[in-house]
Protein backbone atom coordinates (compact mmCIF):
# COMPACT_ATOMS: atom_id res chain seq x y z
CA UNK A 1 265.61 89.15 41.96
CA UNK A 2 261.98 89.89 41.11
CA UNK A 3 262.33 90.05 37.32
CA UNK A 4 261.10 86.61 36.26
CA UNK A 5 258.55 86.51 39.04
CA UNK A 6 257.06 89.96 38.58
CA UNK A 7 257.28 90.19 34.80
CA UNK A 8 254.59 87.52 34.51
CA UNK A 9 252.33 89.12 37.11
CA UNK A 10 249.01 90.54 35.94
CA UNK A 11 248.45 92.77 38.98
CA UNK A 12 249.55 96.35 39.38
CA UNK A 13 252.44 97.16 41.66
CA UNK A 14 252.18 99.50 44.62
CA UNK A 15 253.41 102.44 42.52
CA UNK A 16 250.45 102.15 40.17
CA UNK A 17 247.58 100.74 42.24
CA UNK A 18 245.35 102.31 44.86
CA UNK A 19 247.74 101.66 47.78
CA UNK A 20 249.47 104.69 49.22
CA UNK A 21 252.78 104.30 51.07
CA UNK A 22 252.93 105.50 54.65
CA UNK A 23 255.87 107.73 55.49
CA UNK A 24 257.27 107.98 58.99
CA UNK A 25 259.23 110.91 60.43
CA UNK A 26 262.81 109.86 59.56
CA UNK A 27 261.74 108.90 56.04
CA UNK A 28 260.01 112.24 55.60
CA UNK A 29 263.26 114.02 56.47
CA UNK A 30 265.05 112.13 53.68
CA UNK A 31 262.32 112.91 51.14
CA UNK A 32 262.43 116.58 52.16
CA UNK A 33 266.17 116.68 51.30
CA UNK A 34 265.49 115.39 47.77
CA UNK A 35 262.23 117.19 47.09
CA UNK A 36 261.99 120.76 48.40
CA UNK A 37 258.33 120.80 47.32
CA UNK A 38 257.55 117.55 49.16
CA UNK A 39 254.71 119.20 51.10
CA UNK A 40 252.62 119.28 47.89
CA UNK A 41 253.13 115.53 47.45
CA UNK A 42 252.03 114.27 50.83
CA UNK A 43 248.83 114.09 52.81
CA UNK A 44 248.25 113.57 56.51
CA UNK A 45 245.56 111.23 57.81
CA UNK A 46 244.63 110.05 61.28
CA UNK A 47 244.88 106.34 62.05
CA UNK A 48 244.56 104.96 65.59
CA UNK A 49 244.72 108.53 66.92
CA UNK A 50 248.09 109.15 65.25
CA UNK A 51 248.72 111.63 62.47
CA UNK A 52 250.33 109.69 59.65
CA UNK A 53 251.76 110.96 56.39
CA UNK A 54 251.37 109.21 53.07
CA UNK A 55 252.50 109.93 49.53
CA UNK A 56 249.81 111.16 47.17
CA UNK A 57 248.93 109.75 43.77
CA UNK A 58 249.09 111.84 40.62
CA UNK A 59 245.87 113.70 39.98
CA UNK A 60 243.10 111.51 38.54
CA UNK A 61 245.34 108.42 38.48
CA UNK A 62 246.54 105.64 40.74
CA UNK A 63 250.21 106.35 39.90
CA UNK A 64 252.54 107.50 42.67
CA UNK A 65 253.52 111.15 42.47
CA UNK A 66 257.19 110.10 42.52
CA UNK A 67 256.90 107.60 39.66
CA UNK A 68 258.48 109.05 36.50
CA UNK A 69 256.03 108.53 33.63
CA UNK A 70 258.76 108.31 30.98
CA UNK A 71 261.17 105.92 32.70
CA UNK A 72 258.64 104.21 34.98
CA UNK A 73 261.25 104.56 37.76
CA UNK A 74 260.98 106.02 41.24
CA UNK A 75 262.44 109.52 41.50
CA UNK A 76 263.12 109.15 45.25
CA UNK A 77 264.30 105.54 45.09
CA UNK A 78 267.28 105.92 47.44
CA UNK A 79 265.07 107.67 50.02
CA UNK A 80 261.85 105.75 49.46
CA UNK A 81 259.83 104.80 52.55
CA UNK A 82 260.09 101.37 54.17
CA UNK A 83 256.57 100.70 52.95
CA UNK A 84 257.90 100.95 49.37
CA UNK A 85 261.08 98.98 50.07
CA UNK A 86 259.04 96.08 51.35
CA UNK A 87 256.87 95.58 48.26
CA UNK A 88 255.85 92.89 47.18
CA UNK A 89 256.32 91.81 50.79
CA UNK A 90 254.01 92.92 53.53
CA UNK A 91 253.40 92.24 57.21
CA UNK A 92 250.09 90.86 58.43
CA UNK A 93 248.96 89.95 61.93
CA UNK A 94 248.07 86.25 61.75
CA UNK A 95 247.47 83.89 64.68
CA UNK A 96 248.61 86.42 67.30
CA UNK A 97 251.93 87.22 65.60
CA UNK A 98 253.23 89.40 62.78
CA UNK A 99 254.15 87.45 59.66
CA UNK A 100 255.88 88.30 56.42
CA UNK A 101 253.74 87.65 53.38
CA UNK A 102 254.41 88.12 49.69
CA UNK A 103 251.81 89.28 47.20
CA UNK A 104 252.15 87.21 44.07
CA UNK A 105 250.25 85.72 41.18
CA UNK A 106 252.73 82.85 41.45
CA UNK A 107 251.76 81.48 44.86
CA UNK A 108 253.23 78.05 44.05
CA UNK A 109 256.71 79.52 43.55
CA UNK A 110 259.66 78.46 45.66
CA UNK A 111 260.11 81.37 48.09
CA UNK A 112 263.38 80.22 49.71
CA UNK A 113 265.27 83.00 47.91
CA UNK A 114 263.17 85.61 49.74
CA UNK A 115 264.76 84.86 53.13
CA UNK A 116 267.86 86.91 52.30
CA UNK A 117 265.68 89.82 51.24
CA UNK A 118 263.52 89.61 54.40
CA UNK A 119 266.63 89.63 56.57
CA UNK A 120 267.87 92.71 54.71
CA UNK A 121 264.54 94.45 55.34
CA UNK A 122 264.63 93.56 59.04
CA UNK A 123 268.11 95.10 59.33
CA UNK A 124 267.15 98.30 57.48
CA UNK A 125 267.34 101.44 59.62
CA UNK A 126 263.74 102.26 58.70
CA UNK A 127 262.46 98.93 60.00
CA UNK A 128 262.69 100.02 63.64
CA UNK A 129 260.44 103.05 63.13
CA UNK A 130 258.18 100.96 60.92
CA UNK A 131 257.72 98.32 63.62
CA UNK A 132 257.14 100.98 66.28
CA UNK A 133 254.18 102.05 64.14
CA UNK A 134 253.02 98.58 63.13
CA UNK A 135 249.57 99.17 64.61
CA UNK A 136 249.07 102.08 62.22
CA UNK A 137 250.53 100.16 59.29
CA UNK A 138 248.34 97.12 60.02
CA UNK A 139 245.20 99.23 60.24
CA UNK A 140 246.15 100.96 56.97
CA UNK A 141 246.78 97.60 55.24
CA UNK A 142 243.46 96.23 56.45
CA UNK A 143 241.63 99.30 55.15
CA UNK A 144 243.24 98.87 51.72
CA UNK A 145 242.60 95.13 51.54
CA UNK A 146 238.96 95.56 52.49
CA UNK A 147 238.47 98.18 49.74
CA UNK A 148 240.10 96.12 46.99
CA UNK A 149 237.62 94.16 44.92
CA UNK A 150 240.39 92.08 43.33
CA UNK A 151 242.87 91.11 45.99
CA UNK A 152 246.28 89.94 44.91
CA UNK A 153 246.89 86.45 46.24
CA UNK A 154 249.58 86.14 48.88
CA UNK A 155 251.74 83.52 50.56
CA UNK A 156 252.65 83.53 54.26
CA UNK A 157 256.44 83.21 54.45
CA UNK A 158 257.41 83.31 58.12
CA UNK A 159 257.04 85.22 61.37
CA UNK A 160 258.69 88.65 61.51
CA UNK A 161 262.09 88.50 63.21
CA UNK A 162 262.02 90.86 66.18
CA UNK A 163 265.63 90.16 67.23
CA UNK A 164 266.99 93.02 65.11
CA UNK A 165 264.44 95.42 66.54
CA UNK A 166 265.16 94.45 70.16
CA UNK A 167 268.95 94.48 69.72
CA UNK A 168 268.90 98.21 68.89
CA UNK A 169 267.49 99.19 72.29
């Protein structure tokens, strides 16, 4: 799906740039099952008076601790956090609503294909917990974007679909 689009990109992906993925409680339980030494690979920070966990980078690098250097593949892929599943998509608060965006060097691309992927993300079991913590995620995203000297361009795709979230209650 992303091959042709991302292969031509000149920016780093989230596994190799300064961004750190946030990990919420249910996701942390899944990582713990795969990695008994997970505690060494996470750090807790406080955002909006909430203690939030994120995955560390390898020492003296911007590479995710779970990125295999030989294969360049994620070692916790099946249990990766929602934050990782979403990339290169993100959620930003724009004009009083949350919107899906996509980071891309190819902003003129036809993004119609992404609708299926966005719907899949909105139905993911981790999306509910993610949206319950959207204030933390948004603050975290804003902190990262303000620190980046070279921001990856992005395209606003559509408003986040809250139907799936509300139907679970």
